[in-house]
Amino acid sequence: MNRFWSRLVRELHPYVPGEQPRISNLVKLNTNENPFGPSPRVWAAIRAEAAETLRLYPDPEATALRQALAKYHGVRPEQVFVGNGSDEILAHAFVALLKQDAPLLLPDITYSFYLTWCQLFGIVAEMVPLDSALRIRVADYARPAGAIVVANPNAPTGIALGRAEIAALLELHPEQPVVVDEAYVDFGAETAIPLIASHPNLLVVQTMSKSRALAGLRVGYAIGDAGLIEALVRVKDSFNSYPLGRLAQAGAVAALEDETHFRQTLRKVIAERDRMTRGLAGLGFDVLPSAANFVFARHPARDGLGLAADLRAEAVLVRHFAKARISDYLRITVGTNAQTDVLLAALARCLDKGTPA
């Protein structure tokens, strides 16, 4: 531990991202990356933008991208905020909206970055347990709160709330900001964006990393009442006025313009998710109902940590969380047809030689 660190840094428990190892012939199913790639229009837009103008700063307001997103989602440009991936936007929201006098409510099993931001920004959090089926129960949020954040579909479970359930949550807390993190919504859940018109306390955050296959460009956005967006802008402009580079802005606009590619990719992911789920069930796994581009599964005869290690030895990488209630589960990204075949064959070998839980 460095003696020059601040007390905050000494006590901080940083978020641990999915591993990015260098293993030959690796089947990488641990970080929920889209296996099918972005639209060809993205490549063309990036090549066109890679010009002499790279010496100039990008548009700090990302005007063209915000206009494209506003048109796509049927809102006004002043209701759209863009940033360097949805993680940056969520971090801004924790400072701008979720740091209130009363506790922030969030599920006890959810995206672990939320607790990191609470610690970093000095936010008191109150964990609301998922039910026995690892689902969010809206009725459990009928308690005093300063703000609420939920992922929908939830991560790492992949289970989604319906739009009516999000509306019920908003009705419970009409005077508190509610942030809905929709990183995986395109893979089978209902977006809450239509609720924004009648709920000025709702901020919806999405990303282009997953369904648009632009994880390498780092493009995220939020949609909400103009007052909420202004709060995010105030934080951004106190931190980094130019979060999105020229290439990212151009590529993101191009991705929005290719709806055909987008829908084809979603269909491929959903079909492969269903096939993976059937294959896992055939091997004896319990698989939670997923509306994301991953599944959350456990095998009654194996512990999760040991099974993840055995898969790694087979050059198949999945995500394990050493956390109470879910330590026997594996989060497995939906890959290509060939990757699913390798995964299922590797799991069959692991189970044959495996040690009991």
Protein backbone atom coordinates (compact mmCIF):
# COMPACT_ATOMS: atom_id res chain seq x y z
CA MET A 1 0.00 0.00 0.00
CA ASN A 2 1.46 3.31 -1.06
CA ARG A 3 2.00 5.81 1.77
CA PHE A 4 0.89 8.67 -0.48
CA TRP A 5 -2.61 7.28 -1.01
CA SER A 6 -5.58 9.14 0.40
CA ARG A 7 -7.73 7.45 3.02
CA LEU A 8 -10.48 7.03 0.40
CA VAL A 9 -8.19 5.13 -1.95
CA ARG A 10 -6.85 2.96 0.87
CA GLU A 11 -10.38 1.91 1.80
CA LEU A 12 -11.75 1.64 -1.73
CA HIS A 13 -12.85 -1.70 -3.17
CA PRO A 14 -12.64 -1.12 -6.94
CA TYR A 15 -14.92 -2.82 -9.41
CA VAL A 16 -13.27 -5.88 -10.96
CA PRO A 17 -13.99 -6.12 -14.70
CA GLY A 18 -14.20 -9.37 -16.59
CA GLU A 19 -10.84 -10.93 -17.31
CA GLN A 20 -9.23 -10.27 -20.70
CA PRO A 21 -6.61 -13.05 -20.83
CA ARG A 22 -4.19 -14.06 -23.56
CA ILE A 23 -4.94 -17.75 -24.03
CA SER A 24 -4.65 -19.44 -27.39
CA ASN A 25 -7.87 -20.83 -28.88
CA LEU A 26 -9.85 -19.25 -26.06
CA VAL A 27 -13.65 -19.35 -26.08
CA LYS A 28 -14.32 -16.08 -24.26
CA LEU A 29 -17.77 -16.02 -22.68
CA ASN A 30 -17.14 -13.86 -19.61
CA THR A 31 -17.72 -10.21 -20.56
CA ASN A 32 -21.00 -10.20 -22.53
CA GLU A 33 -19.44 -8.92 -25.73
CA ASN A 34 -21.53 -9.29 -28.87
CA PRO A 35 -20.03 -12.06 -31.05
CA PHE A 36 -21.58 -10.88 -34.32
CA GLY A 37 -19.89 -7.52 -34.78
CA PRO A 38 -21.15 -4.03 -35.63
CA SER A 39 -22.84 -2.83 -38.78
CA PRO A 40 -20.60 -2.42 -41.85
CA ARG A 41 -21.79 1.18 -41.89
CA VAL A 42 -19.84 1.72 -38.68
CA TRP A 43 -16.58 0.78 -40.38
CA ALA A 44 -17.32 3.14 -43.26
CA ALA A 45 -18.19 6.02 -40.94
CA ILE A 46 -15.03 5.55 -38.87
CA ARG A 47 -12.83 5.42 -41.96
CA ALA A 48 -14.44 8.60 -43.26
CA GLU A 49 -13.91 10.37 -39.93
CA ALA A 50 -10.27 9.28 -39.63
CA ALA A 51 -9.04 12.39 -41.37
CA GLU A 52 -6.99 15.52 -40.76
CA THR A 53 -9.74 16.78 -38.45
CA LEU A 54 -8.57 14.36 -35.74
CA ARG A 55 -6.25 17.15 -34.65
CA LEU A 56 -9.36 19.05 -33.51
CA TYR A 57 -11.41 18.39 -30.40
CA PRO A 58 -14.71 16.58 -30.98
CA ASP A 59 -18.09 18.23 -30.50
CA PRO A 60 -18.39 18.38 -26.68
CA GLU A 61 -22.18 18.17 -26.91
CA ALA A 62 -22.17 15.30 -29.44
CA THR A 63 -24.95 17.17 -31.24
CA ALA A 64 -25.38 14.86 -34.23
CA LEU A 65 -25.43 11.74 -32.06
CA ARG A 66 -27.88 13.24 -29.57
CA GLN A 67 -30.15 14.26 -32.43
CA ALA A 68 -29.97 10.76 -33.91
CA LEU A 69 -30.76 9.16 -30.55
CA ALA A 70 -33.63 11.58 -29.93
CA LYS A 71 -35.17 10.72 -33.30
CA TYR A 72 -34.68 7.00 -32.74
CA HIS A 73 -36.35 7.00 -29.31
CA GLY A 74 -38.99 9.65 -30.01
CA VAL A 75 -37.76 12.27 -27.55
CA ARG A 76 -36.21 15.74 -27.79
CA PRO A 77 -32.42 16.23 -28.06
CA GLU A 78 -32.38 18.06 -24.74
CA GLN A 79 -33.62 14.83 -23.15
CA VAL A 80 -30.53 12.91 -24.31
CA PHE A 81 -27.10 12.71 -22.68
CA VAL A 82 -24.16 10.78 -24.14
CA GLY A 83 -20.95 9.65 -22.52
CA ASN A 84 -17.94 7.37 -22.57
CA GLY A 85 -19.86 4.14 -22.08
CA SER A 86 -22.85 3.68 -19.79
CA ASP A 87 -20.53 3.18 -16.82
CA GLU A 88 -19.37 6.79 -17.03
CA ILE A 89 -22.95 7.99 -17.34
CA LEU A 90 -24.03 5.91 -14.36
CA ALA A 91 -21.14 7.32 -12.34
CA HIS A 92 -22.31 10.83 -13.23
CA ALA A 93 -25.85 9.89 -12.21
CA PHE A 94 -24.68 8.64 -8.82
CA VAL A 95 -23.19 12.08 -8.16
CA ALA A 96 -25.85 14.19 -9.86
CA LEU A 97 -29.03 12.35 -8.84
CA LEU A 98 -28.50 9.42 -6.48
CA LYS A 99 -26.47 11.13 -3.75
CA GLN A 100 -29.36 12.22 -1.51
CA ASP A 101 -29.88 12.64 2.23
CA ALA A 102 -31.86 9.40 2.57
CA PRO A 103 -30.40 6.01 1.56
CA LEU A 104 -30.14 4.80 -2.03
CA LEU A 105 -32.14 1.60 -2.58
CA LEU A 106 -30.73 -1.10 -4.84
CA PRO A 107 -30.98 -4.90 -5.13
CA ASP A 108 -28.64 -6.98 -2.99
CA ILE A 109 -27.62 -8.94 -6.10
CA THR A 110 -27.00 -6.63 -9.03
CA TYR A 111 -24.25 -4.90 -11.00
CA SER A 112 -21.41 -4.70 -8.49
CA PHE A 113 -20.15 -1.36 -9.81
CA TYR A 114 -23.09 0.30 -7.99
CA LEU A 115 -21.56 -0.32 -4.56
CA THR A 116 -18.17 0.87 -5.78
CA TRP A 117 -19.69 4.20 -6.79
CA CYS A 118 -21.49 4.42 -3.45
CA GLN A 119 -18.18 4.03 -1.66
CA LEU A 120 -16.36 6.40 -4.00
CA PHE A 121 -18.97 9.17 -3.69
CA GLY A 122 -19.95 8.66 -0.05
CA ILE A 123 -23.50 7.44 -0.75
CA VAL A 124 -25.36 5.46 1.90
CA ALA A 125 -26.88 2.39 0.25
CA GLU A 126 -29.64 0.12 1.50
CA MET A 127 -29.74 -3.30 -0.10
CA VAL A 128 -33.15 -4.77 -0.96
CA PRO A 129 -32.96 -8.58 -1.16
CA LEU A 130 -34.07 -10.39 -4.27
CA ASP A 131 -36.69 -13.04 -3.63
CA SER A 132 -35.95 -16.77 -3.46
CA ALA A 133 -36.17 -17.01 -7.26
CA LEU A 134 -33.58 -14.16 -7.54
CA ARG A 135 -36.19 -11.71 -8.83
CA ILE A 136 -36.73 -8.06 -7.95
CA ARG A 137 -40.02 -7.57 -6.08
CA VAL A 138 -41.29 -4.03 -6.58
CA ALA A 139 -43.37 -4.18 -3.40
CA ASP A 140 -40.16 -4.53 -1.38
CA TYR A 141 -39.21 -0.99 -2.43
CA ALA A 142 -42.20 0.53 -0.62
CA ARG A 143 -39.93 2.01 2.03
CA PRO A 144 -38.29 5.39 2.66
CA ALA A 145 -35.56 6.21 0.13
CA GLY A 146 -33.54 9.07 -1.24
CA ALA A 147 -33.23 7.47 -4.68
CA ILE A 148 -33.37 4.09 -6.45
CA VAL A 149 -31.22 2.34 -9.02
CA VAL A 150 -32.06 -0.97 -10.70
CA ALA A 151 -30.64 -2.82 -13.67
CA ASN A 152 -33.31 -4.14 -16.02
CA PRO A 153 -32.69 -6.86 -17.04
CA ASN A 154 -30.86 -7.35 -13.78
CA ALA A 155 -27.22 -8.36 -13.82
CA PRO A 156 -25.91 -10.96 -13.33
CA THR A 157 -29.24 -12.82 -13.17
CA GLY A 158 -30.60 -11.69 -16.56
CA ILE A 159 -34.15 -11.55 -15.19
CA ALA A 160 -36.25 -8.60 -16.36
CA LEU A 161 -39.08 -6.55 -14.94
CA GLY A 162 -41.94 -5.59 -17.22
CA ARG A 163 -42.61 -1.95 -18.03
CA ALA A 164 -45.71 -2.05 -15.82
CA GLU A 165 -43.54 -3.11 -12.89
CA ILE A 166 -41.14 -0.22 -13.52
CA ALA A 167 -44.19 2.09 -13.60
CA ALA A 168 -45.31 0.68 -10.25
CA LEU A 169 -41.85 1.35 -8.82
CA LEU A 170 -42.03 4.94 -10.04
CA GLU A 171 -45.46 5.38 -8.47
CA LEU A 172 -44.03 4.26 -5.12
CA HIS A 173 -41.41 7.04 -5.27
CA PRO A 174 -42.68 9.95 -7.39
CA GLU A 175 -40.47 12.48 -5.57
CA GLN A 176 -37.22 10.52 -5.72
CA PRO A 177 -34.91 10.03 -8.72
CA VAL A 178 -35.09 6.54 -10.17
CA VAL A 179 -32.33 5.30 -12.49
CA VAL A 180 -33.02 2.24 -14.66
CA ASP A 181 -29.88 0.73 -16.16
CA GLU A 182 -30.94 -0.93 -19.43
CA ALA A 183 -27.59 -2.23 -20.66
CA TYR A 184 -29.21 -5.48 -21.87
CA VAL A 185 -32.77 -4.37 -22.59
CA ASP A 186 -32.65 -4.98 -26.36
CA PHE A 187 -32.25 -8.74 -25.92
CA GLY A 188 -35.78 -9.35 -24.67
CA ALA A 189 -37.00 -6.81 -22.12
CA GLU A 190 -39.28 -3.77 -22.31
CA THR A 191 -37.59 -0.39 -22.19
CA ALA A 192 -38.88 2.15 -19.68
CA ILE A 193 -38.27 5.08 -22.06
CA PRO A 194 -42.02 5.54 -22.83
CA LEU A 195 -42.56 6.22 -19.11
CA ILE A 196 -40.32 9.29 -19.17
CA ALA A 197 -43.08 11.52 -20.56
CA SER A 198 -45.17 11.03 -17.41
CA HIS A 199 -42.38 10.55 -14.85
CA PRO A 200 -39.90 13.44 -14.60
CA ASN A 201 -37.95 11.51 -11.95
CA LEU A 202 -36.98 8.66 -14.34
CA LEU A 203 -33.57 8.39 -16.00
CA VAL A 204 -33.00 5.48 -18.39
CA VAL A 205 -29.39 4.55 -19.21
CA GLN A 206 -28.44 2.43 -22.22
CA THR A 207 -25.25 1.38 -23.96
CA MET A 208 -24.11 0.63 -27.49
CA SER A 209 -21.56 -1.89 -26.23
CA LYS A 210 -23.88 -4.89 -26.18
CA SER A 211 -26.71 -4.96 -28.72
CA ARG A 212 -24.90 -2.63 -31.15
CA ALA A 213 -21.56 -4.48 -30.72
CA LEU A 214 -19.61 -1.25 -30.11
CA ALA A 215 -17.86 -2.14 -26.84
CA GLY A 216 -14.57 -0.91 -28.27
CA LEU A 217 -15.94 2.56 -29.02
CA ARG A 218 -17.32 3.16 -25.49
CA VAL A 219 -20.63 4.86 -26.24
CA GLY A 220 -23.44 5.11 -23.71
CA TYR A 221 -26.41 7.40 -23.31
CA ALA A 222 -29.17 8.44 -20.94
CA ILE A 223 -32.69 9.60 -21.67
CA GLY A 224 -34.86 11.49 -19.22
CA ASP A 225 -36.49 14.77 -18.34
CA ALA A 226 -34.43 17.76 -19.47
CA GLY A 227 -33.85 18.72 -15.83
CA LEU A 228 -32.20 15.37 -15.09
CA ILE A 229 -30.09 15.65 -18.23
CA GLU A 230 -28.92 19.12 -17.18
CA ALA A 231 -27.70 17.65 -13.89
CA LEU A 232 -25.60 15.09 -15.78
CA VAL A 233 -24.18 17.81 -18.04
CA ARG A 234 -23.14 19.85 -14.99
CA VAL A 235 -21.20 16.87 -13.63
CA LYS A 236 -19.69 16.02 -17.03
CA ASP A 237 -18.49 19.56 -17.58
CA SER A 238 -16.88 19.49 -14.15
CA PHE A 239 -15.05 16.29 -15.00
CA ASN A 240 -14.43 15.83 -18.74
CA SER A 241 -16.00 18.13 -21.32
CA TYR A 242 -15.01 15.93 -24.29
CA PRO A 243 -15.94 12.36 -23.31
CA LEU A 244 -16.66 11.01 -26.80
CA GLY A 245 -14.10 11.21 -29.58
CA ARG A 246 -14.87 11.90 -33.22
CA LEU A 247 -14.62 8.26 -34.25
CA ALA A 248 -16.99 7.12 -31.49
CA GLN A 249 -19.58 9.75 -32.37
CA ALA A 250 -19.47 8.93 -36.07
CA GLY A 251 -19.59 5.19 -35.50
CA ALA A 252 -22.51 5.45 -33.09
CA VAL A 253 -24.59 7.51 -35.51
CA ALA A 254 -23.90 5.00 -38.28
CA ALA A 255 -24.95 2.11 -36.02
CA LEU A 256 -28.31 3.78 -35.38
CA GLU A 257 -28.86 4.14 -39.11
CA ASP A 258 -28.63 0.39 -39.79
CA GLU A 259 -31.78 -1.00 -38.20
CA THR A 260 -31.70 -4.11 -40.37
CA HIS A 261 -28.29 -5.20 -39.07
CA PHE A 262 -29.37 -4.39 -35.51
CA ARG A 263 -32.48 -6.54 -35.67
CA GLN A 264 -30.69 -9.40 -37.41
CA THR A 265 -28.04 -9.43 -34.69
CA LEU A 266 -30.65 -9.47 -31.93
CA ARG A 267 -32.42 -12.42 -33.53
CA LYS A 268 -29.14 -14.34 -33.74
CA VAL A 269 -28.27 -13.68 -30.10
CA ILE A 270 -31.75 -14.61 -28.85
CA ALA A 271 -31.82 -17.80 -30.89
CA GLU A 272 -28.38 -18.82 -29.65
CA ARG A 273 -29.34 -17.95 -26.06
CA ASP A 274 -32.33 -20.29 -26.35
CA ARG A 275 -30.16 -23.05 -27.81
CA MET A 276 -27.55 -22.60 -25.06
CA THR A 277 -30.28 -22.72 -22.41
CA ARG A 278 -31.64 -25.98 -23.81
CA GLY A 279 -28.15 -27.45 -23.95
CA LEU A 280 -27.38 -26.47 -20.36
CA ALA A 281 -30.69 -27.87 -19.16
CA GLY A 282 -29.86 -31.12 -20.95
CA LEU A 283 -26.68 -31.32 -18.88
CA GLY A 284 -28.64 -30.89 -15.66
CA PHE A 285 -28.15 -27.16 -15.09
CA ASP A 286 -30.71 -24.90 -13.48
CA VAL A 287 -30.92 -21.87 -15.79
CA LEU A 288 -32.63 -18.64 -14.82
CA PRO A 289 -34.97 -17.08 -17.42
CA SER A 290 -32.78 -14.56 -19.24
CA ALA A 291 -33.73 -11.45 -21.19
CA ALA A 292 -30.06 -10.54 -21.71
CA ASN A 293 -27.19 -11.74 -23.91
CA PHE A 294 -26.02 -14.09 -21.18
CA VAL A 295 -27.44 -16.84 -19.00
CA PHE A 296 -27.05 -17.45 -15.28
CA ALA A 297 -26.86 -21.13 -14.45
CA ARG A 298 -25.80 -23.59 -11.77
CA HIS A 299 -25.36 -27.33 -11.60
CA PRO A 300 -26.67 -29.11 -8.49
CA ALA A 301 -23.66 -31.43 -8.37
CA ARG A 302 -20.88 -28.86 -8.75
CA ASP A 303 -19.68 -25.73 -7.00
CA GLY A 304 -19.44 -22.71 -9.24
CA LEU A 305 -15.84 -21.77 -8.52
CA GLY A 306 -14.53 -25.26 -9.24
CA LEU A 307 -16.57 -25.58 -12.41
CA ALA A 308 -15.34 -22.20 -13.67
CA ALA A 309 -11.75 -23.32 -13.02
CA ASP A 310 -12.32 -26.59 -14.88
CA LEU A 311 -13.75 -24.70 -17.84
CA ARG A 312 -10.75 -22.39 -17.86
CA ALA A 313 -8.52 -25.45 -18.12
CA GLU A 314 -10.57 -26.31 -21.22
CA ALA A 315 -9.86 -22.78 -22.60
CA VAL A 316 -13.46 -21.71 -22.00
CA LEU A 317 -13.83 -18.55 -19.93
CA VAL A 318 -17.04 -17.74 -18.03
CA ARG A 319 -17.75 -15.37 -15.12
CA HIS A 320 -18.04 -16.51 -11.50
CA PHE A 321 -19.10 -14.29 -8.60
CA ALA A 322 -17.89 -15.20 -5.12
CA LYS A 323 -20.96 -13.78 -3.42
CA ALA A 324 -23.51 -15.22 -1.04
CA ARG A 325 -26.59 -16.76 -2.69
CA ILE A 326 -25.02 -16.88 -6.16
CA SER A 327 -21.60 -18.47 -5.62
CA ASP A 328 -22.67 -21.68 -7.36
CA TYR A 329 -23.86 -19.84 -10.48
CA LEU A 330 -21.92 -19.12 -13.64
CA ARG A 331 -22.70 -16.18 -15.89
CA ILE A 332 -22.17 -17.33 -19.46
CA THR A 333 -22.16 -14.93 -22.40
CA VAL A 334 -24.10 -15.94 -25.50
CA GLY A 335 -21.55 -16.59 -28.22
CA THR A 336 -21.66 -17.99 -31.72
CA ASN A 337 -23.09 -21.37 -32.61
CA ALA A 338 -19.58 -22.83 -32.68
CA GLN A 339 -18.70 -21.32 -29.30
CA THR A 340 -21.84 -22.78 -27.75
CA ASP A 341 -20.89 -26.20 -29.08
CA VAL A 342 -17.42 -25.91 -27.53
CA LEU A 343 -18.90 -24.75 -24.22
CA LEU A 344 -21.40 -27.60 -23.97
CA ALA A 345 -18.81 -30.22 -24.90
CA ALA A 346 -16.36 -28.80 -22.34
CA LEU A 347 -19.04 -28.77 -19.65
CA ALA A 348 -19.93 -32.39 -20.40
CA ARG A 349 -16.26 -33.36 -19.87
CA CYS A 350 -16.03 -31.28 -16.70
CA LEU A 351 -19.14 -32.88 -15.25
CA ASP A 352 -17.91 -36.37 -16.09
CA LYS A 353 -14.67 -35.86 -14.16
CA GLY A 354 -16.03 -33.32 -11.68
CA THR A 355 -15.92 -33.30 -7.93
CA PRO A 356 -19.17 -33.04 -5.98
CA ALA A 357 -20.15 -29.71 -4.43
